[in-house]
Amino acid sequence: MTEKLNTPETTPETATTRRKFLSGAVAAAGVAGGAMLLSACGDDNTKQMASSGQAPAQGTAAGKTTTWRMQTSWPGGIGLEIFKNWANSIVEKTSGELAIEPFGANDVVGDFQLYDAVTNGVLEAINPFTIYGQSKSPAFVFLTSYPMGMRNPHEWDVFYYKLGGLEIARELLAKQNLHYVGPVHHGPNIIHSKVPIRSLDDFRGRKMRLPGGMVSEVFADIGAKPATLPGSEIFPALEKGTIDVADYVGPAVNYALGFHQVTKYISMGPPGFMSLYQPVDLMDITVGMKAWNAISPKMRQFVEMETHVYSDLHHASIQKADQEAWKKFEEAGTEVTRLGQEDVEKLTRVAIPRWFSWANKDKDSARVFKIQLDYMMSGSLGYVSPEDIRGQKLNFG
């Protein structure tokens, strides 16, 4: 089926980190915090559990501990620190029923091999940048932010927890014998460069590290020369001159990785629009289906709850660290340049055809994107107008 799109359709505290699950009960404060969080944004099962004031009773079966080996995409910095601290807290929170053995980027497998490592049993679980899932399905391009798409974390929470995104992500990964637990926020991506970037025209001819997929195609459309590299390979590529420009995550992690030593400039969007191309670069928690099914239903609910908690703390902690990192970049002599509103308009014109090109790769991509497009065209956001997409079509068949 082909649908021509001119108008949108009408579409309908942080929980405490030290909750202790002791002998089948959760301390009252932990229950209240978890219930408040889940009733606000949980899926139906966890929301029902939260609204009833109940939390899963945890205890070990015959003293046995299930251990998941979990690798993150974080190669270092505050991101890796938060991940390891969270993973190491799980055994206490579950009274020894579940433990997570954390690994940093490349500790077990390469970043682009994470999904296969779980499928093949090398790891039980992963904490990847969701965009890397595009190797499994083009629809994964729309399960994290993309150029000129949804721009704020809460918009992605609405998509995942109330517009069907969570169910679709789980459906897609179930085909790979994987279970998508939930999204994890960290923040927008920024661009480091050896040369000043003051307009989109300044990307022309520049060798630029990008994550692949739609993001790389959009930058190629404006004249950049994309190179797809995992985060752990960016510093040496900049140091050797293999690339001139690199996109990666936010300032705290990028400073810890030493980008200020090999670049002089940071490029961002206009004030209030930090990243035009990946403003909400999501991660997630994904578990092998065998490992997921091996734990009890109540433990699965606990992991879903903890993914909410982890996302909140992960995002807030990184944002706090980012504020401290800006001062360090300034002291290092790094200059921040910003694109203008005319660049926003130009990049929108470039990005929209790419949206539809990726959405039309298969029916899953089309249905995910259609949900987001209706939301972006709604009165709640208004990012896209009927004129912007005139002549574009979606294929659902």
Protein backbone atom coordinates (compact mmCIF):
# COMPACT_ATOMS: atom_id res chain seq x y z
CA MET A 1 0.00 0.00 0.00
CA THR A 2 1.24 3.46 -0.86
CA GLU A 3 0.05 6.47 1.08
CA LYS A 4 0.63 10.07 -0.02
CA LEU A 5 1.38 12.26 2.94
CA ASN A 6 0.19 15.84 3.04
CA THR A 7 -1.47 16.13 6.43
CA PRO A 8 -0.85 14.41 9.74
CA GLU A 9 -3.27 11.94 11.25
CA THR A 10 -4.75 12.65 14.65
CA THR A 11 -3.08 10.46 17.22
CA PRO A 12 -4.21 10.08 20.40
CA GLU A 13 11.99 11.29 40.70
CA THR A 14 14.11 9.27 39.88
CA ALA A 15 13.72 6.06 41.89
CA THR A 16 16.27 5.50 44.57
CA THR A 17 19.39 3.75 43.35
CA ARG A 18 19.99 1.87 46.53
CA ARG A 19 16.75 -0.06 46.75
CA LYS A 20 17.36 -3.37 48.48
CA PHE A 21 15.29 -6.40 47.70
CA LEU A 22 15.51 -8.31 51.00
CA SER A 23 13.85 -11.68 51.59
CA GLY A 24 10.99 -11.14 49.19
CA ALA A 25 10.17 -7.50 49.95
CA VAL A 26 11.31 -4.05 48.97
CA ALA A 27 11.79 -1.25 51.44
CA ALA A 28 8.76 1.05 51.37
CA ALA A 29 10.69 4.03 50.04
CA GLY A 30 11.98 2.00 47.13
CA VAL A 31 8.49 0.79 46.28
CA ALA A 32 7.14 4.34 46.31
CA GLY A 33 9.92 5.65 44.10
CA GLY A 34 9.63 2.78 41.64
CA ALA A 35 5.83 3.04 41.56
CA MET A 36 5.93 6.76 40.85
CA LEU A 37 8.39 6.29 38.00
CA LEU A 38 6.59 3.33 36.43
CA SER A 39 3.12 4.77 36.69
CA ALA A 40 4.39 7.77 34.74
CA CYS A 41 6.17 5.97 31.91
CA GLY A 42 6.05 2.20 32.34
CA ASP A 43 4.61 -0.35 29.97
CA ASP A 44 1.33 -2.02 30.94
CA ASN A 45 2.82 -4.83 33.06
CA THR A 46 5.18 -2.68 35.07
CA LYS A 47 2.62 0.11 35.36
CA GLN A 48 0.07 -2.31 36.83
CA MET A 49 2.65 -3.55 39.31
CA ALA A 50 3.55 0.03 40.28
CA SER A 51 -0.03 1.22 40.68
CA SER A 52 -0.80 -1.71 42.97
CA GLY A 53 2.09 -0.68 45.24
CA GLN A 54 3.83 -3.98 44.63
CA ALA A 55 7.36 -4.74 43.55
CA PRO A 56 8.80 -8.10 42.60
CA ALA A 57 9.94 -10.24 45.48
CA GLN A 58 13.51 -11.33 44.95
CA GLY A 59 15.42 -14.23 46.38
CA THR A 60 17.87 -16.83 45.22
CA ALA A 61 16.80 -20.32 44.29
CA ALA A 62 18.92 -22.75 46.30
CA GLY A 63 21.50 -20.01 46.68
CA LYS A 64 22.23 -19.85 42.94
CA THR A 65 23.15 -16.59 41.21
CA THR A 66 22.45 -16.00 37.53
CA THR A 67 25.25 -13.94 35.99
CA TRP A 68 24.89 -11.95 32.79
CA ARG A 69 28.00 -10.82 30.97
CA MET A 70 27.05 -7.40 29.61
CA GLN A 71 29.18 -5.20 27.36
CA THR A 72 28.52 -1.50 26.82
CA SER A 73 29.44 0.73 23.90
CA TRP A 74 31.14 3.16 26.28
CA PRO A 75 34.93 3.07 25.79
CA GLY A 76 35.68 5.24 28.83
CA GLY A 77 34.81 8.37 30.78
CA ILE A 78 31.74 9.03 32.88
CA GLY A 79 29.59 6.79 30.66
CA LEU A 80 31.64 3.69 31.40
CA GLU A 81 31.91 4.59 35.08
CA ILE A 82 28.13 4.92 35.47
CA PHE A 83 27.53 1.69 33.57
CA LYS A 84 29.90 -0.33 35.72
CA ASN A 85 28.58 1.14 38.97
CA TRP A 86 25.01 0.33 37.96
CA ALA A 87 25.86 -3.19 36.78
CA ASN A 88 27.75 -3.96 39.98
CA SER A 89 24.78 -2.81 42.09
CA ILE A 90 22.38 -5.40 40.69
CA VAL A 91 23.57 -8.36 42.75
CA GLU A 92 22.85 -6.48 45.99
CA LYS A 93 19.48 -5.21 44.79
CA THR A 94 18.38 -8.75 43.95
CA SER A 95 19.83 -10.38 47.07
CA GLY A 96 22.14 -12.38 44.86
CA GLU A 97 19.58 -13.73 42.40
CA LEU A 98 20.99 -11.81 39.44
CA ALA A 99 24.46 -10.40 38.86
CA ILE A 100 25.79 -8.41 35.90
CA GLU A 101 29.46 -8.68 34.98
CA PRO A 102 30.21 -5.42 33.12
CA PHE A 103 32.59 -4.97 30.20
CA GLY A 104 33.63 -1.79 28.41
CA ALA A 105 33.74 -1.29 24.66
CA ASN A 106 35.94 -3.87 22.89
CA ASP A 107 36.65 -5.79 26.11
CA VAL A 108 35.02 -8.90 24.65
CA VAL A 109 33.97 -8.05 21.09
CA GLY A 110 34.05 -5.02 18.81
CA ASP A 111 31.31 -2.45 19.06
CA PHE A 112 29.74 -3.41 15.75
CA GLN A 113 29.64 -7.11 16.77
CA LEU A 114 27.61 -6.65 19.95
CA TYR A 115 24.32 -8.03 18.70
CA ASP A 116 25.95 -11.07 17.12
CA ALA A 117 27.88 -11.71 20.35
CA VAL A 118 24.60 -12.09 22.24
CA THR A 119 22.99 -14.19 19.52
CA ASN A 120 26.03 -16.49 19.56
CA GLY A 121 26.15 -16.76 23.34
CA VAL A 122 29.43 -14.90 23.83
CA LEU A 123 27.55 -12.35 25.95
CA GLU A 124 24.19 -12.58 27.69
CA ALA A 125 23.35 -8.89 27.40
CA ILE A 126 24.52 -5.59 25.90
CA ASN A 127 24.20 -1.84 26.43
CA PRO A 128 24.79 -0.58 22.88
CA PHE A 129 24.18 2.64 21.04
CA THR A 130 20.85 1.76 19.51
CA ILE A 131 21.90 3.05 16.11
CA TYR A 132 24.20 0.04 15.77
CA GLY A 133 21.06 -2.10 15.48
CA GLN A 134 20.64 -0.79 11.93
CA SER A 135 22.82 -3.72 10.87
CA LYS A 136 19.95 -6.00 11.91
CA SER A 137 17.05 -3.98 10.58
CA PRO A 138 16.79 -0.60 8.79
CA ALA A 139 13.93 0.23 11.16
CA PHE A 140 16.51 0.70 13.92
CA VAL A 141 17.48 3.99 12.28
CA PHE A 142 14.16 5.24 13.65
CA LEU A 143 14.64 3.78 17.14
CA THR A 144 17.13 6.51 18.02
CA SER A 145 17.45 10.10 16.89
CA TYR A 146 18.22 11.00 13.30
CA PRO A 147 18.86 14.29 11.47
CA MET A 148 16.15 16.86 12.15
CA GLY A 149 13.85 14.28 13.77
CA MET A 150 12.46 14.28 17.32
CA ARG A 151 14.67 16.52 19.42
CA ASN A 152 14.12 16.00 23.16
CA PRO A 153 14.36 13.02 25.53
CA HIS A 154 10.73 13.23 26.62
CA GLU A 155 9.59 12.95 23.01
CA TRP A 156 11.40 9.64 22.72
CA ASP A 157 9.88 8.44 26.00
CA VAL A 158 6.42 9.23 24.61
CA PHE A 159 7.27 7.28 21.46
CA TYR A 160 8.59 4.25 23.31
CA TYR A 161 6.21 4.00 26.23
CA LYS A 162 2.92 5.32 24.84
CA LEU A 163 3.02 5.26 21.04
CA GLY A 164 4.09 1.67 20.54
CA GLY A 165 7.84 2.04 20.07
CA LEU A 166 8.76 -0.40 22.84
CA GLU A 167 6.56 -3.14 21.44
CA ILE A 168 7.93 -2.67 17.93
CA ALA A 169 11.55 -2.72 19.12
CA ARG A 170 10.89 -5.95 20.98
CA GLU A 171 9.18 -7.46 17.97
CA LEU A 172 12.10 -6.58 15.69
CA LEU A 173 14.78 -7.97 17.98
CA ALA A 174 12.78 -11.10 18.81
CA LYS A 175 13.40 -12.10 15.19
CA GLN A 176 17.11 -12.14 16.11
CA ASN A 177 16.43 -14.16 19.29
CA LEU A 178 17.04 -11.04 21.38
CA HIS A 179 14.89 -9.14 23.88
CA TYR A 180 14.88 -5.34 23.88
CA VAL A 181 14.36 -4.29 27.51
CA GLY A 182 14.19 -0.53 27.07
CA PRO A 183 15.89 2.72 25.98
CA VAL A 184 18.67 4.45 27.92
CA HIS A 185 19.24 8.21 27.60
CA HIS A 186 22.62 9.94 27.64
CA GLY A 187 22.33 13.17 25.64
CA PRO A 188 23.07 14.81 22.29
CA ASN A 189 26.11 14.22 20.10
CA ILE A 190 28.56 16.97 19.17
CA ILE A 191 31.17 17.42 16.46
CA HIS A 192 34.92 17.88 16.99
CA SER A 193 36.98 19.33 14.18
CA LYS A 194 40.50 20.35 13.26
CA VAL A 195 39.05 23.26 11.31
CA PRO A 196 36.25 25.71 12.19
CA ILE A 197 32.75 24.67 11.09
CA ARG A 198 30.57 27.78 10.87
CA SER A 199 28.08 26.64 8.22
CA LEU A 200 27.02 23.43 6.54
CA ASP A 201 29.21 24.38 3.58
CA ASP A 202 32.29 23.95 5.78
CA PHE A 203 31.70 20.19 5.91
CA ARG A 204 32.33 19.91 2.18
CA GLY A 205 35.32 17.72 1.41
CA ARG A 206 36.02 16.96 5.08
CA LYS A 207 36.80 13.39 6.09
CA MET A 208 34.34 12.83 8.91
CA ARG A 209 33.73 10.02 11.38
CA LEU A 210 30.04 9.14 11.50
CA PRO A 211 28.02 6.13 12.76
CA GLY A 212 26.78 5.03 9.34
CA GLY A 213 23.21 4.77 8.10
CA MET A 214 21.04 7.80 7.54
CA VAL A 215 23.34 10.13 9.49
CA SER A 216 26.25 9.36 7.17
CA GLU A 217 24.08 9.74 4.09
CA VAL A 218 22.80 13.18 5.13
CA PHE A 219 26.34 14.44 5.73
CA ALA A 220 27.45 12.96 2.41
CA ASP A 221 24.61 14.91 0.78
CA ILE A 222 26.12 18.16 2.06
CA GLY A 223 29.58 17.22 0.81
CA ALA A 224 31.32 15.46 3.73
CA LYS A 225 33.28 12.25 3.20
CA PRO A 226 31.94 9.84 5.87
CA ALA A 227 34.03 7.17 7.57
CA THR A 228 32.27 4.67 9.85
CA LEU A 229 34.27 4.04 13.02
CA PRO A 230 33.40 2.86 16.55
CA GLY A 231 34.03 5.35 19.35
CA SER A 232 37.22 3.66 20.51
CA GLU A 233 38.90 4.33 17.13
CA ILE A 234 38.12 8.04 16.83
CA PHE A 235 41.09 9.47 18.77
CA PRO A 236 43.78 7.60 16.79
CA ALA A 237 42.05 8.46 13.52
CA LEU A 238 42.06 12.17 14.42
CA GLU A 239 45.62 11.97 15.69
CA LYS A 240 46.89 10.36 12.49
CA GLY A 241 44.89 12.68 10.22
CA THR A 242 42.80 9.85 8.81
CA ILE A 243 39.80 12.07 9.53
CA ASP A 244 39.43 15.85 9.97
CA VAL A 245 36.09 15.89 11.77
CA ALA A 246 34.39 13.49 14.16
CA ASP A 247 30.93 13.14 15.56
CA TYR A 248 30.65 11.38 18.90
CA VAL A 249 28.77 11.80 22.14
CA GLY A 250 28.74 14.70 24.62
CA PRO A 251 31.56 16.85 26.05
CA ALA A 252 32.27 14.88 29.25
CA VAL A 253 33.01 11.57 27.56
CA ASN A 254 34.72 13.22 24.59
CA TYR A 255 37.04 15.19 26.90
CA ALA A 256 37.90 12.01 28.80
CA LEU A 257 38.77 10.40 25.46
CA GLY A 258 41.21 13.22 24.72
CA PHE A 259 39.53 14.86 21.76
CA HIS A 260 40.73 18.28 22.94
CA GLN A 261 44.28 17.08 22.30
CA VAL A 262 43.72 16.40 18.60
CA THR A 263 41.08 18.99 17.60
CA LYS A 264 40.66 22.73 18.08
CA TYR A 265 36.95 23.23 17.50
CA ILE A 266 33.53 21.97 18.60
CA SER A 267 30.59 22.52 16.23
CA MET A 268 26.98 22.60 17.43
CA GLY A 269 23.59 23.85 16.31
CA PRO A 270 22.03 27.18 17.30
CA PRO A 271 21.47 27.88 21.03
CA GLY A 272 18.88 25.46 22.35
CA PHE A 273 19.48 22.99 19.53
CA MET A 274 22.78 21.42 20.51
CA SER A 275 22.84 18.72 17.83
CA LEU A 276 21.00 18.92 14.52
CA TYR A 277 21.73 15.35 13.53
CA GLN A 278 21.55 13.25 16.74
CA PRO A 279 19.99 15.36 19.50
CA VAL A 280 18.91 12.30 21.54
CA ASP A 281 21.46 9.60 20.86
CA LEU A 282 19.84 6.63 22.59
CA MET A 283 21.39 3.53 24.05
CA ASP A 284 19.44 0.52 25.29
CA ILE A 285 19.55 -2.68 27.32
CA THR A 286 19.17 -5.81 25.17
CA VAL A 287 19.32 -9.37 26.50
CA GLY A 288 19.58 -12.69 24.71
CA MET A 289 16.22 -14.43 24.59
CA LYS A 290 17.60 -17.56 26.27
CA ALA A 291 18.99 -15.55 29.18
CA TRP A 292 15.81 -13.48 29.41
CA ASN A 293 13.54 -16.51 29.53
CA ALA A 294 15.77 -18.23 32.10
CA ILE A 295 14.95 -15.69 34.82
CA SER A 296 11.63 -15.51 36.63
CA PRO A 297 8.78 -13.26 35.47
CA LYS A 298 9.23 -11.12 38.57
CA MET A 299 12.94 -10.77 37.87
CA ARG A 300 12.11 -9.67 34.34
CA GLN A 301 9.88 -6.97 35.79
CA PHE A 302 12.72 -5.94 38.08
CA VAL A 303 15.11 -5.60 35.11
CA GLU A 304 12.54 -3.49 33.27
CA MET A 305 12.18 -1.24 36.32
CA GLU A 306 15.94 -0.97 36.70
CA THR A 307 16.31 0.04 33.05
CA HIS A 308 14.04 3.03 33.75
CA VAL A 309 16.11 3.90 36.82
CA TYR A 310 19.41 3.44 35.01
CA SER A 311 18.28 5.64 32.12
CA ASP A 312 17.32 8.48 34.46
CA LEU A 313 20.54 8.35 36.48
CA HIS A 314 22.73 7.78 33.43
CA HIS A 315 21.26 10.80 31.63
CA ALA A 316 21.35 13.15 34.62
CA SER A 317 24.88 12.15 35.65
CA ILE A 318 26.26 12.66 32.17
CA GLN A 319 24.54 16.04 31.82
CA LYS A 320 26.09 17.14 35.12
CA ALA A 321 29.52 15.96 33.98
CA ASP A 322 29.03 17.81 30.69
CA GLN A 323 28.72 21.11 32.56
CA GLU A 324 32.11 20.51 34.15
CA ALA A 325 33.63 19.41 30.84
CA TRP A 326 32.79 22.67 29.05
CA LYS A 327 35.12 24.51 31.43
CA LYS A 328 37.89 22.01 30.68
CA PHE A 329 37.51 22.47 26.92
CA GLU A 330 37.67 26.24 27.38
CA GLU A 331 40.85 25.92 29.44
CA ALA A 332 42.31 23.68 26.71
CA GLY A 333 41.72 26.43 24.14
CA THR A 334 38.89 24.71 22.28
CA GLU A 335 36.63 27.11 20.38
CA VAL A 336 32.90 26.43 20.11
CA THR A 337 31.23 27.40 16.84
CA ARG A 338 27.52 27.30 16.10
CA LEU A 339 25.50 26.75 12.97
CA GLY A 340 22.76 29.26 12.17
CA GLN A 341 19.03 29.05 11.56
CA GLU A 342 19.63 29.00 7.82
CA ASP A 343 21.63 25.81 8.33
CA VAL A 344 18.71 24.28 10.26
CA GLU A 345 16.42 25.02 7.33
CA LYS A 346 18.90 23.70 4.78
CA LEU A 347 19.57 20.50 6.69
CA THR A 348 15.83 19.92 7.05
CA ARG A 349 15.46 20.07 3.27
CA VAL A 350 18.31 17.60 2.88
CA ALA A 351 17.14 15.24 5.65
CA ILE A 352 13.48 14.78 4.75
CA PRO A 353 14.05 12.81 1.52
CA ARG A 354 16.44 10.59 3.48
CA TRP A 355 13.74 9.98 6.10
CA PHE A 356 11.46 8.60 3.43
CA SER A 357 14.20 6.68 1.68
CA TRP A 358 14.97 4.79 4.90
CA ALA A 359 11.31 4.44 5.87
CA ASN A 360 10.60 2.77 2.54
CA LYS A 361 13.30 0.12 2.95
CA ASP A 362 10.74 -2.23 4.51
CA LYS A 363 7.30 -2.20 6.11
CA ASP A 364 8.72 -2.17 9.66
CA SER A 365 10.67 0.99 8.92
CA ALA A 366 7.58 2.59 7.39
CA ARG A 367 5.33 1.89 10.35
CA VAL A 368 7.87 3.11 12.91
CA PHE A 369 8.51 6.31 10.98
CA LYS A 370 4.78 6.95 10.39
CA ILE A 371 4.20 7.02 14.17
CA GLN A 372 7.00 9.55 14.58
CA LEU A 373 5.97 11.63 11.59
CA ASP A 374 2.41 12.00 12.91
CA TYR A 375 3.85 13.05 16.28
CA MET A 376 6.26 15.56 14.71
CA MET A 377 3.42 17.03 12.65
CA SER A 378 1.04 17.24 15.60
CA GLY A 379 0.22 20.36 17.55
CA SER A 380 2.42 19.07 20.36
CA LEU A 381 5.62 19.45 18.31
CA GLY A 382 5.04 21.06 14.93
CA TYR A 383 8.50 20.18 13.62
CA VAL A 384 7.17 19.20 10.21
CA SER A 385 4.53 20.85 8.06
CA PRO A 386 2.47 19.38 5.20
CA GLU A 387 4.47 21.59 2.84
CA ASP A 388 7.74 20.08 4.08
CA ILE A 389 6.72 16.59 2.95
CA ARG A 390 4.69 17.44 -0.12
CA GLY A 391 5.16 14.76 -2.76
CA GLN A 392 6.75 12.25 -0.38
CA LYS A 393 5.18 8.80 -0.03
CA LEU A 394 5.35 5.88 2.36
CA ASN A 395 5.10 2.26 1.21
CA PHE A 396 3.57 -0.11 3.75
CA GLY A 397 3.27 -3.18 1.56
